[in-house]
PDB file of N, CA and C in Angstrom:
ATOM      1  N   MET A   1     -16.800   2.265  12.041  1.00  0.00           N
ATOM      2  CA  MET A   1     -16.164   2.184  10.715  1.00  0.00           C
ATOM      3  C   MET A   1     -14.938   3.414  10.626  1.00  0.00           C
ATOM      4  N   LYS A   2     -14.212   3.106   9.638  1.00  0.00           N
ATOM      5  CA  LYS A   2     -13.496   3.822   8.958  1.00  0.00           C
ATOM      6  C   LYS A   2     -13.268   4.080   7.563  1.00  0.00           C
ATOM      7  N   LEU A   3     -12.621   5.230   7.253  1.00  0.00           N
ATOM      8  CA  LEU A   3     -12.777   5.876   5.712  1.00  0.00           C
ATOM      9  C   LEU A   3     -10.958   5.595   5.532  1.00  0.00           C
ATOM     10  N   ILE A   4     -10.860   4.517   4.622  1.00  0.00           N
ATOM     11  CA  ILE A   4      -9.675   4.323   4.106  1.00  0.00           C
ATOM     12  C   ILE A   4      -9.635   5.496   3.072  1.00  0.00           C
ATOM     13  N   ILE A   5      -8.281   6.401   2.564  1.00  0.00           N
ATOM     14  CA  ILE A   5      -7.848   6.651   1.561  1.00  0.00           C
ATOM     15  C   ILE A   5      -6.604   6.503   1.308  1.00  0.00           C
ATOM     16  N   GLY A   6      -6.552   6.013  -0.323  1.00  0.00           N
ATOM     17  CA  GLY A   6      -5.438   5.705  -0.483  1.00  0.00           C
ATOM     18  C   GLY A   6      -4.943   6.490  -1.606  1.00  0.00           C
ATOM     19  N   ILE A   7      -3.475   6.892  -1.555  1.00  0.00           N
ATOM     20  CA  ILE A   7      -2.949   7.461  -2.998  1.00  0.00           C
ATOM     21  C   ILE A   7      -1.956   6.352  -3.385  1.00  0.00           C
ATOM     22  N   ILE A   8      -1.986   6.092  -4.582  1.00  0.00           N
ATOM     23  CA  ILE A   8      -1.562   4.983  -5.095  1.00  0.00           C
ATOM     24  C   ILE A   8      -1.248   5.172  -6.709  1.00  0.00           C
ATOM     25  N   ASN A   9      -0.300   4.659  -6.953  1.00  0.00           N
ATOM     26  CA  ASN A   9       0.178   4.407  -8.698  1.00  0.00           C
ATOM     27  C   ASN A   9      -0.841   4.114  -9.456  1.00  0.00           C
ATOM     28  N   LYS A  10      -1.053   4.980 -10.443  1.00  0.00           N
ATOM     29  CA  LYS A  10      -2.052   4.622 -11.447  1.00  0.00           C
ATOM     30  C   LYS A  10      -1.809   3.011 -12.114  1.00  0.00           C
ATOM     31  N   GLU A  11      -0.683   2.630 -12.228  1.00  0.00           N
ATOM     32  CA  GLU A  11      -0.377   1.219 -12.392  1.00  0.00           C
ATOM     33  C   GLU A  11      -0.907   0.139 -11.849  1.00  0.00           C
ATOM     34  N   ASP A  12      -1.254   0.244 -10.567  1.00  0.00           N
ATOM     35  CA  ASP A  12      -1.943  -0.463  -9.417  1.00  0.00           C
ATOM     36  C   ASP A  12      -3.517  -0.260  -9.417  1.00  0.00           C
ATOM     37  N   VAL A  13      -4.002   0.697 -10.010  1.00  0.00           N
ATOM     38  CA  VAL A  13      -5.481   1.264  -9.650  1.00  0.00           C
ATOM     39  C   VAL A  13      -6.085  -0.120  -9.900  1.00  0.00           C
ATOM     40  N   GLN A  14      -6.205  -0.882 -11.134  1.00  0.00           N
ATOM     41  CA  GLN A  14      -7.360  -1.510 -11.720  1.00  0.00           C
ATOM     42  C   GLN A  14      -7.116  -2.940 -11.148  1.00  0.00           C
ATOM     43  N   VAL A  15      -6.114  -3.390 -10.672  1.00  0.00           N
ATOM     44  CA  VAL A  15      -5.973  -4.618  -9.885  1.00  0.00           C
ATOM     45  C   VAL A  15      -6.761  -4.326  -8.387  1.00  0.00           C
ATOM     46  N   LEU A  16      -6.247  -3.261  -7.845  1.00  0.00           N
ATOM     47  CA  LEU A  16      -6.841  -3.169  -6.387  1.00  0.00           C
ATOM     48  C   LEU A  16      -8.412  -2.926  -6.259  1.00  0.00           C
ATOM     49  N   LEU A  17      -8.672  -2.117  -7.519  1.00  0.00           N
ATOM     50  CA  LEU A  17     -10.140  -2.026  -7.736  1.00  0.00           C
ATOM     51  C   LEU A  17     -10.837  -3.298  -7.595  1.00  0.00           C
ATOM     52  N   GLU A  18     -10.375  -4.100  -8.422  1.00  0.00           N
ATOM     53  CA  GLU A  18     -11.116  -5.339  -8.591  1.00  0.00           C
ATOM     54  C   GLU A  18     -10.805  -6.208  -7.396  1.00  0.00           C
ATOM     55  N   THR A  19      -9.532  -6.347  -6.850  1.00  0.00           N
ATOM     56  CA  THR A  19      -9.172  -6.914  -5.801  1.00  0.00           C
ATOM     57  C   THR A  19     -10.364  -6.555  -4.758  1.00  0.00           C
ATOM     58  N   LEU A  20     -10.553  -5.252  -4.514  1.00  0.00           N
ATOM     59  CA  LEU A  20     -10.970  -5.070  -3.137  1.00  0.00           C
ATOM     60  C   LEU A  20     -12.799  -5.442  -3.335  1.00  0.00           C
ATOM     61  N   SER A  21     -13.134  -5.193  -4.859  1.00  0.00           N
ATOM     62  CA  SER A  21     -14.645  -5.397  -5.157  1.00  0.00           C
ATOM     63  C   SER A  21     -14.933  -7.085  -4.785  1.00  0.00           C
ATOM     64  N   GLN A  22     -14.135  -7.661  -5.264  1.00  0.00           N
ATOM     65  CA  GLN A  22     -14.098  -9.212  -5.020  1.00  0.00           C
ATOM     66  C   GLN A  22     -14.207  -9.751  -3.555  1.00  0.00           C
ATOM     67  N   LYS A  23     -13.531  -8.774  -2.879  1.00  0.00           N
ATOM     68  CA  LYS A  23     -13.539  -9.157  -1.242  1.00  0.00           C
ATOM     69  C   LYS A  23     -14.827  -8.499  -0.537  1.00  0.00           C
ATOM     70  N   GLY A  24     -15.567  -7.603  -1.432  1.00  0.00           N
ATOM     71  CA  GLY A  24     -17.260  -7.563  -1.038  1.00  0.00           C
ATOM     72  C   GLY A  24     -16.698  -5.641  -0.534  1.00  0.00           C
ATOM     73  N   TYR A  25     -15.890  -5.219  -0.723  1.00  0.00           N
ATOM     74  CA  TYR A  25     -15.594  -3.639  -0.647  1.00  0.00           C
ATOM     75  C   TYR A  25     -16.034  -2.851  -1.513  1.00  0.00           C
ATOM     76  N   GLN A  26     -17.239  -2.024  -1.024  1.00  0.00           N
ATOM     77  CA  GLN A  26     -17.207  -0.738  -2.060  1.00  0.00           C
ATOM     78  C   GLN A  26     -16.214  -0.042  -2.134  1.00  0.00           C
ATOM     79  N   VAL A  27     -15.662   0.448  -3.155  1.00  0.00           N
ATOM     80  CA  VAL A  27     -14.215   1.301  -3.216  1.00  0.00           C
ATOM     81  C   VAL A  27     -14.713   1.972  -5.013  1.00  0.00           C
ATOM     82  N   THR A  28     -13.884   3.306  -4.569  1.00  0.00           N
ATOM     83  CA  THR A  28     -14.275   4.215  -5.789  1.00  0.00           C
ATOM     84  C   THR A  28     -12.719   4.709  -5.892  1.00  0.00           C
ATOM     85  N   THR A  29     -12.633   5.501  -7.288  1.00  0.00           N
ATOM     86  CA  THR A  29     -11.620   6.185  -7.193  1.00  0.00           C
ATOM     87  C   THR A  29     -11.917   8.039  -7.512  1.00  0.00           C
ATOM     88  N   ILE A  30     -10.711   8.849  -7.362  1.00  0.00           N
ATOM     89  CA  ILE A  30     -11.103  10.266  -7.586  1.00  0.00           C
ATOM     90  C   ILE A  30     -10.124  10.499  -8.537  1.00  0.00           C
ATOM     91  N   ALA A  31     -10.476  11.065  -9.916  1.00  0.00           N
ATOM     92  CA  ALA A  31      -9.440  11.480 -11.005  1.00  0.00           C
ATOM     93  C   ALA A  31      -8.698  12.471 -10.469  1.00  0.00           C
ATOM     94  N   THR A  32      -7.397  12.394 -10.877  1.00  0.00           N
ATOM     95  CA  THR A  32      -6.296  13.301 -10.784  1.00  0.00           C
ATOM     96  C   THR A  32      -5.731  13.855 -11.951  1.00  0.00           C
ATOM     97  N   THR A  33      -4.762  14.950 -11.525  1.00  0.00           N
ATOM     98  CA  THR A  33      -4.267  15.466 -12.641  1.00  0.00           C
ATOM     99  C   THR A  33      -2.815  15.636 -12.345  1.00  0.00           C
ATOM    100  N   ASP A  34      -1.786  15.646 -13.200  1.00  0.00           N
ATOM    101  CA  ASP A  34      -0.502  16.068 -12.873  1.00  0.00           C
ATOM    102  C   ASP A  34      -0.101  17.217 -11.944  1.00  0.00           C
ATOM    103  N   GLY A  35      -0.897  18.354 -12.068  1.00  0.00           N
ATOM    104  CA  GLY A  35      -0.717  19.213 -11.057  1.00  0.00           C
ATOM    105  C   GLY A  35      -0.799  19.103  -9.540  1.00  0.00           C
ATOM    106  N   VAL A  36      -2.144  18.044  -9.512  1.00  0.00           N
ATOM    107  CA  VAL A  36      -2.467  18.015  -8.008  1.00  0.00           C
ATOM    108  C   VAL A  36      -1.500  16.647  -7.516  1.00  0.00           C
ATOM    109  N   LEU A  37      -1.251  15.639  -8.197  1.00  0.00           N
ATOM    110  CA  LEU A  37      -0.805  14.262  -7.676  1.00  0.00           C
ATOM    111  C   LEU A  37       0.448  14.108  -9.014  1.00  0.00           C
ATOM    112  N   PRO A  38       1.576  14.534  -8.834  1.00  0.00           N
ATOM    113  CA  PRO A  38       2.570  14.372  -9.768  1.00  0.00           C
ATOM    114  C   PRO A  38       3.067  12.832  -9.847  1.00  0.00           C
ATOM    115  N   ASP A  39       3.392  12.283 -11.052  1.00  0.00           N
ATOM    116  CA  ASP A  39       3.799  10.619 -10.853  1.00  0.00           C
ATOM    117  C   ASP A  39       2.712   9.900 -11.265  1.00  0.00           C
ATOM    118  N   ALA A  40       1.636  10.360 -11.987  1.00  0.00           N
ATOM    119  CA  ALA A  40       0.583   9.581 -12.160  1.00  0.00           C
ATOM    120  C   ALA A  40       0.133   8.860 -10.806  1.00  0.00           C
ATOM    121  N   LYS A  41      -0.657   9.356 -10.244  1.00  0.00           N
ATOM    122  CA  LYS A  41      -1.103   8.903  -9.056  1.00  0.00           C
ATOM    123  C   LYS A  41      -2.768   9.074  -8.795  1.00  0.00           C
ATOM    124  N   ALA A  42      -2.900   8.149  -8.236  1.00  0.00           N
ATOM    125  CA  ALA A  42      -4.542   7.888  -8.056  1.00  0.00           C
ATOM    126  C   ALA A  42      -5.271   7.950  -6.759  1.00  0.00           C
ATOM    127  N   VAL A  43      -6.330   8.361  -6.339  1.00  0.00           N
ATOM    128  CA  VAL A  43      -6.954   8.736  -5.163  1.00  0.00           C
ATOM    129  C   VAL A  43      -7.992   7.150  -4.818  1.00  0.00           C
ATOM    130  N   ILE A  44      -7.737   6.354  -4.331  1.00  0.00           N
ATOM    131  CA  ILE A  44      -9.012   5.516  -3.934  1.00  0.00           C
ATOM    132  C   ILE A  44      -9.798   5.927  -2.576  1.00  0.00           C
ATOM    133  N   LEU A  45     -10.917   5.351  -2.375  1.00  0.00           N
ATOM    134  CA  LEU A  45     -11.400   5.710  -1.221  1.00  0.00           C
ATOM    135  C   LEU A  45     -12.316   4.460  -0.718  1.00  0.00           C
ATOM    136  N   THR A  46     -12.428   4.050   0.222  1.00  0.00           N
ATOM    137  CA  THR A  46     -13.222   2.952   0.737  1.00  0.00           C
ATOM    138  C   THR A  46     -13.502   2.705   2.126  1.00  0.00           C
ATOM    139  N   SER A  47     -14.777   2.124   2.477  1.00  0.00           N
ATOM    140  CA  SER A  47     -14.676   2.231   4.133  1.00  0.00           C
ATOM    141  C   SER A  47     -14.942   0.621   4.644  1.00  0.00           C
ATOM    142  N   ALA A  48     -14.278   0.471   5.693  1.00  0.00           N
ATOM    143  CA  ALA A  48     -14.463  -0.769   6.454  1.00  0.00           C
ATOM    144  C   ALA A  48     -14.655  -0.604   7.924  1.00  0.00           C
ATOM    145  N   ASN A  49     -15.033  -1.787   8.225  1.00  0.00           N
ATOM    146  CA  ASN A  49     -15.154  -2.035  10.040  1.00  0.00           C
ATOM    147  C   ASN A  49     -13.644  -1.886  10.545  1.00  0.00           C
ATOM    148  N   ASP A  50     -13.711  -1.625  11.498  1.00  0.00           N
ATOM    149  CA  ASP A  50     -12.641  -1.592  12.698  1.00  0.00           C
ATOM    150  C   ASP A  50     -11.826  -2.792  12.668  1.00  0.00           C
ATOM    151  N   VAL A  51     -12.535  -3.917  12.435  1.00  0.00           N
ATOM    152  CA  VAL A  51     -11.696  -5.373  12.275  1.00  0.00           C
ATOM    153  C   VAL A  51     -11.269  -5.763  11.115  1.00  0.00           C
ATOM    154  N   GLN A  52     -11.813  -4.886   9.971  1.00  0.00           N
ATOM    155  CA  GLN A  52     -11.294  -5.390   8.258  1.00  0.00           C
ATOM    156  C   GLN A  52     -10.349  -4.381   8.196  1.00  0.00           C
ATOM    157  N   VAL A  53     -10.008  -3.286   8.846  1.00  0.00           N
ATOM    158  CA  VAL A  53      -8.850  -2.371   8.237  1.00  0.00           C
ATOM    159  C   VAL A  53      -7.597  -2.932   8.000  1.00  0.00           C
ATOM    160  N   GLU A  54      -6.948  -3.935   8.956  1.00  0.00           N
ATOM    161  CA  GLU A  54      -5.768  -4.442   8.779  1.00  0.00           C
ATOM    162  C   GLU A  54      -5.544  -5.569   7.472  1.00  0.00           C
ATOM    163  N   SER A  55      -7.088  -5.932   6.890  1.00  0.00           N
ATOM    164  CA  SER A  55      -6.952  -6.692   5.739  1.00  0.00           C
ATOM    165  C   SER A  55      -6.870  -6.121   4.672  1.00  0.00           C
ATOM    166  N   VAL A  56      -7.690  -4.721   4.554  1.00  0.00           N
ATOM    167  CA  VAL A  56      -7.338  -3.862   3.328  1.00  0.00           C
ATOM    168  C   VAL A  56      -6.024  -3.562   3.548  1.00  0.00           C
ATOM    169  N   LEU A  57      -5.494  -2.946   4.303  1.00  0.00           N
ATOM    170  CA  LEU A  57      -4.258  -2.176   4.134  1.00  0.00           C
ATOM    171  C   LEU A  57      -3.159  -3.510   4.248  1.00  0.00           C
ATOM    172  N   SER A  58      -3.283  -4.492   4.359  1.00  0.00           N
ATOM    173  CA  SER A  58      -2.544  -5.741   3.925  1.00  0.00           C
ATOM    174  C   SER A  58      -2.485  -5.879   2.175  1.00  0.00           C
ATOM    175  N   LEU A  59      -3.968  -5.969   1.740  1.00  0.00           N
ATOM    176  CA  LEU A  59      -3.983  -5.977   0.296  1.00  0.00           C
ATOM    177  C   LEU A  59      -3.491  -4.578  -0.529  1.00  0.00           C
ATOM    178  N   ILE A  60      -3.470  -3.422   0.138  1.00  0.00           N
ATOM    179  CA  ILE A  60      -2.839  -2.200  -0.563  1.00  0.00           C
ATOM    180  C   ILE A  60      -1.687  -2.611  -0.633  1.00  0.00           C
ATOM    181  N   LYS A  61      -0.800  -2.945   0.541  1.00  0.00           N
ATOM    182  CA  LYS A  61       0.462  -3.338   0.691  1.00  0.00           C
ATOM    183  C   LYS A  61       1.231  -4.225  -0.366  1.00  0.00           C
ATOM    184  N   GLU A  62       0.356  -5.194  -0.415  1.00  0.00           N
ATOM    185  CA  GLU A  62       0.453  -6.255  -1.213  1.00  0.00           C
ATOM    186  C   GLU A  62       0.514  -5.878  -2.814  1.00  0.00           C
ATOM    187  N   ILE A  63      -0.488  -5.288  -3.255  1.00  0.00           N
ATOM    188  CA  ILE A  63      -1.007  -4.896  -4.575  1.00  0.00           C
ATOM    189  C   ILE A  63      -0.071  -4.087  -5.192  1.00  0.00           C
ATOM    190  N   CYS A  64       0.240  -2.659  -4.248  1.00  0.00           N
ATOM    191  CA  CYS A  64       0.709  -1.685  -4.751  1.00  0.00           C
ATOM    192  C   CYS A  64       2.248  -1.413  -4.109  1.00  0.00           C
ATOM    193  N   PRO A  65       3.302  -2.251  -4.630  1.00  0.00           N
ATOM    194  CA  PRO A  65       4.789  -2.082  -4.023  1.00  0.00           C
ATOM    195  C   PRO A  65       5.341  -0.795  -4.544  1.00  0.00           C
ATOM    196  N   GLY A  66       6.392  -0.567  -3.722  1.00  0.00           N
ATOM    197  CA  GLY A  66       6.816   0.652  -4.309  1.00  0.00           C
ATOM    198  C   GLY A  66       7.793   0.255  -5.237  1.00  0.00           C
ATOM    199  N   ARG A  67       8.478   1.210  -6.102  1.00  0.00           N
ATOM    200  CA  ARG A  67       9.195   1.105  -7.342  1.00  0.00           C
ATOM    201  C   ARG A  67      10.356   1.965  -7.135  1.00  0.00           C
ATOM    202  N   THR A  68      11.485   1.629  -7.927  1.00  0.00           N
ATOM    203  CA  THR A  68      12.788   2.336  -8.163  1.00  0.00           C
ATOM    204  C   THR A  68      12.408   2.891  -9.532  1.00  0.00           C
ATOM    205  N   ARG A  69      12.566   4.327  -9.606  1.00  0.00           N
ATOM    206  CA  ARG A  69      12.636   4.994 -10.932  1.00  0.00           C
ATOM    207  C   ARG A  69      13.864   5.663 -11.042  1.00  0.00           C
ATOM    208  N   TYR A  70      14.647   5.901 -12.234  1.00  0.00           N
ATOM    209  CA  TYR A  70      15.758   6.349 -12.507  1.00  0.00           C
ATOM    210  C   TYR A  70      15.673   7.366 -13.581  1.00  0.00           C
ATOM    211  N   SER A  71      16.068   8.823 -13.436  1.00  0.00           N
ATOM    212  CA  SER A  71      15.878   9.868 -14.064  1.00  0.00           C
ATOM    213  C   SER A  71      17.095  10.489 -14.405  1.00  0.00           C
ATOM    214  N   ASN A  72      17.360  11.072 -15.580  1.00  0.00           N
ATOM    215  CA  ASN A  72      18.524  11.594 -15.721  1.00  0.00           C
ATOM    216  C   ASN A  72      18.382  13.142 -15.360  1.00  0.00           C
ATOM    217  N   PRO A  73      19.210  13.266 -14.649  1.00  0.00           N
ATOM    218  CA  PRO A  73      19.457  15.156 -14.334  1.00  0.00           C
ATOM    219  C   PRO A  73      19.770  15.825 -15.273  1.00  0.00           C
ATOM    220  N   LEU A  74      19.609  17.048 -15.464  1.00  0.00           N
ATOM    221  CA  LEU A  74      19.785  17.801 -16.706  1.00  0.00           C
ATOM    222  C   LEU A  74      21.481  18.098 -16.620  1.00  0.00           C
ATOM    223  N   PRO A  75      22.104  17.936 -17.677  1.00  0.00           N
ATOM    224  CA  PRO A  75      23.650  18.313 -17.703  1.00  0.00           C
ATOM    225  C   PRO A  75      23.925  19.712 -17.441  1.00  0.00           C
ATOM    226  N   PRO A  76      25.005  19.967 -16.610  1.00  0.00           N
ATOM    227  CA  PRO A  76      25.588  21.563 -16.608  1.00  0.00           C
ATOM    228  C   PRO A  76      25.936  21.857 -17.877  1.00  0.00           C
ATOM    229  N   ASN A  77      26.118  23.220 -17.623  1.00  0.00           N
ATOM    230  CA  ASN A  77      26.592  24.219 -19.031  1.00  0.00           C
ATOM    231  C   ASN A  77      27.919  23.319 -19.500  1.00  0.00           C
ATOM    232  N   LEU A  78      27.891  22.835 -20.785  1.00  0.00           N
ATOM    233  CA  LEU A  78      29.352  22.600 -20.670  1.00  0.00           C
ATOM    234  C   LEU A  78      29.984  23.460 -21.921  1.00  0.00           C
ATOM    235  N   GLN A  79      31.565  23.480 -21.489  1.00  0.00           N
ATOM    236  CA  GLN A  79      32.324  24.308 -22.382  1.00  0.00           C
ATOM    237  C   GLN A  79      32.679  23.799 -23.690  1.00  0.00           C
ATOM    238  N   PRO A  80      33.097  24.208 -24.558  1.00  0.00           N
ATOM    239  CA  PRO A  80      33.379  23.809 -26.115  1.00  0.00           C
ATOM    240  C   PRO A  80      34.527  22.887 -25.555  1.00  0.00           C
ATOM    241  N   GLY A  81      34.474  21.309 -26.219  1.00  0.00           N
ATOM    242  CA  GLY A  81      35.520  20.464 -25.796  1.00  0.00           C
ATOM    243  C   GLY A  81      35.102  19.403 -24.695  1.00  0.00           C
ATOM    244  N   GLU A  82      34.265  19.639 -23.590  1.00  0.00           N
ATOM    245  CA  GLU A  82      34.043  18.929 -22.660  1.00  0.00           C
ATOM    246  C   GLU A  82      32.888  17.960 -22.796  1.00  0.00           C
ATOM    247  N   ILE A  83      33.254  17.046 -22.364  1.00  0.00           N
ATOM    248  CA  ILE A  83      32.013  15.719 -22.269  1.00  0.00           C
ATOM    249  C   ILE A  83      32.002  15.279 -21.181  1.00  0.00           C
ATOM    250  N   PHE A  84      30.403  15.655 -20.544  1.00  0.00           N
ATOM    251  CA  PHE A  84      30.420  15.076 -19.072  1.00  0.00           C
ATOM    252  C   PHE A  84      28.903  14.850 -19.088  1.00  0.00           C
ATOM    253  N   LEU A  85      28.760  13.431 -18.690  1.00  0.00           N
ATOM    254  CA  LEU A  85      26.990  13.136 -19.052  1.00  0.00           C
ATOM    255  C   LEU A  85      27.054  12.325 -17.289  1.00  0.00           C
ATOM    256  N   PRO A  86      26.334  13.347 -16.369  1.00  0.00           N
ATOM    257  CA  PRO A  86      26.034  12.691 -15.211  1.00  0.00           C
ATOM    258  C   PRO A  86      25.175  11.357 -15.150  1.00  0.00           C
ATOM    259  N   PRO A  87      25.265  10.444 -14.038  1.00  0.00           N
ATOM    260  CA  PRO A  87      25.019   9.017 -14.300  1.00  0.00           C
ATOM    261  C   PRO A  87      23.596   9.306 -13.754  1.00  0.00           C
ATOM    262  N   PRO A  88      22.248   8.616 -14.031  1.00  0.00           N
ATOM    263  CA  PRO A  88      20.947   8.527 -13.920  1.00  0.00           C
ATOM    264  C   PRO A  88      20.826   8.641 -11.961  1.00  0.00           C
ATOM    265  N   LEU A  89      19.916   9.260 -11.474  1.00  0.00           N
ATOM    266  CA  LEU A  89      19.375   9.195 -10.242  1.00  0.00           C
ATOM    267  C   LEU A  89      18.677   8.161  -9.992  1.00  0.00           C
ATOM    268  N   GLU A  90      18.732   7.326  -9.036  1.00  0.00           N
ATOM    269  CA  GLU A  90      17.846   6.401  -8.326  1.00  0.00           C
ATOM    270  C   GLU A  90      17.091   7.355  -7.386  1.00  0.00           C
ATOM    271  N   GLN A  91      15.764   7.196  -7.590  1.00  0.00           N
ATOM    272  CA  GLN A  91      14.788   7.596  -6.671  1.00  0.00           C
ATOM    273  C   GLN A  91      13.863   6.135  -6.266  1.00  0.00           C
ATOM    274  N   HIS A  92      13.624   6.409  -5.183  1.00  0.00           N
ATOM    275  CA  HIS A  92      12.597   5.353  -4.627  1.00  0.00           C
ATOM    276  C   HIS A  92      11.052   5.808  -4.544  1.00  0.00           C
ATOM    277  N   ILE A  93      10.161   5.102  -5.177  1.00  0.00           N
ATOM    278  CA  ILE A  93       8.702   5.750  -5.095  1.00  0.00           C
ATOM    279  C   ILE A  93       7.876   5.003  -4.684  1.00  0.00           C
ATOM    280  N   SER A  94       6.971   5.616  -2.955  1.00  0.00           N
ATOM    281  CA  SER A  94       6.329   4.872  -2.547  1.00  0.00           C
ATOM    282  C   SER A  94       5.192   4.061  -3.248  1.00  0.00           C
ATOM    283  N   GLY A  95       4.864   2.757  -2.843  1.00  0.00           N
ATOM    284  CA  GLY A  95       3.446   2.364  -3.749  1.00  0.00           C
ATOM    285  C   GLY A  95       2.127   3.047  -3.432  1.00  0.00           C
ATOM    286  N   ALA A  96       2.075   3.274  -2.212  1.00  0.00           N
ATOM    287  CA  ALA A  96       0.903   3.994  -1.601  1.00  0.00           C
ATOM    288  C   ALA A  96       1.133   4.626  -0.300  1.00  0.00           C
ATOM    289  N   THR A  97       0.378   5.580  -0.048  1.00  0.00           N
ATOM    290  CA  THR A  97       0.356   6.545   1.123  1.00  0.00           C
ATOM    291  C   THR A  97      -1.170   6.199   1.387  1.00  0.00           C
ATOM    292  N   VAL A  98      -1.688   5.764   2.676  1.00  0.00           N
ATOM    293  CA  VAL A  98      -2.694   5.518   2.897  1.00  0.00           C
ATOM    294  C   VAL A  98      -3.126   6.173   4.389  1.00  0.00           C
ATOM    295  N   PHE A  99      -4.375   7.049   4.429  1.00  0.00           N
ATOM    296  CA  PHE A  99      -4.641   7.399   5.514  1.00  0.00           C
ATOM    297  C   PHE A  99      -6.288   6.532   5.896  1.00  0.00           C
ATOM    298  N   VAL A 100      -6.212   6.498   7.315  1.00  0.00           N
ATOM    299  CA  VAL A 100      -7.207   5.860   8.140  1.00  0.00           C
ATOM    300  C   VAL A 100      -7.944   6.734   8.882  1.00  0.00           C
ATOM    301  N   LEU A 101      -9.145   7.097   8.474  1.00  0.00           N
ATOM    302  CA  LEU A 101     -10.118   8.181   9.358  1.00  0.00           C
ATOM    303  C   LEU A 101     -11.244   7.416   9.936  1.00  0.00           C
ATOM    304  N   ASN A 102     -11.469   7.783  11.518  1.00  0.00           N
ATOM    305  CA  ASN A 102     -12.601   7.216  11.943  1.00  0.00           C
ATOM    306  C   ASN A 102     -13.879   8.041  11.209  1.00  0.00           C
ATOM    307  N   LEU A 103     -15.107   7.139  11.206  1.00  0.00           N
ATOM    308  CA  LEU A 103     -16.416   7.574  10.745  1.00  0.00           C
ATOM    309  C   LEU A 103     -17.345   7.487  11.907  1.00  0.00           C
ATOM    310  N   ASP A 104     -17.895   9.049  11.776  1.00  0.00           N
ATOM    311  CA  ASP A 104     -19.063   8.846  12.944  1.00  0.00           C
ATOM    312  C   ASP A 104     -20.283   8.350  12.560  1.00  0.00           C
ATOM    313  N   GLN A 105     -20.654   8.489  11.393  1.00  0.00           N
ATOM    314  CA  GLN A 105     -21.852   8.044  10.298  1.00  0.00           C
ATOM    315  C   GLN A 105     -21.598   7.508   9.232  1.00  0.00           C
ATOM    316  N   VAL A 106     -22.472   6.517   8.666  1.00  0.00           N
ATOM    317  CA  VAL A 106     -22.256   6.063   7.249  1.00  0.00           C
ATOM    318  C   VAL A 106     -23.519   6.057   6.633  1.00  0.00           C
ATOM    319  N   HIS A 107     -23.771   6.398   5.739  1.00  0.00           N
ATOM    320  CA  HIS A 107     -25.407   6.443   5.301  1.00  0.00           C
ATOM    321  C   HIS A 107     -25.192   5.852   3.654  1.00  0.00           C
ATOM    322  N   ARG A 108     -25.789   4.726   3.264  1.00  0.00           N
ATOM    323  CA  ARG A 108     -25.805   4.268   2.318  1.00  0.00           C
ATOM    324  C   ARG A 108     -27.381   4.140   1.675  1.00  0.00           C
ATOM    325  N   TYR A 109     -27.709   5.276   0.594  1.00  0.00           N
ATOM    326  CA  TYR A 109     -29.152   5.041   0.125  1.00  0.00           C
ATOM    327  C   TYR A 109     -29.304   4.273  -1.249  1.00  0.00           C
TER     328      TYR A 109
END
């Protein structure tokens, strides 16, 4: 058995939870705050047999794509008469960061 921990964008959480549940996986989320994980992330937890891990990873990859975000940098201190607006910065945001850990024991009560 493996424990799959995924840090994903909050926009993708509901669709991922529903898809994994429909496929028969037990999955849950952990609430996060901006101080712990910036940029609106969520943590999901699920377990899978060794042969099911690739299936779960492919679902996460399909449902949680990377995104491009544009942010406006702060303009430098301007002197009177100067006009300078820097262009927006393009940043790639990963869709998911996933950890797969070995489980020695799993107990369901």
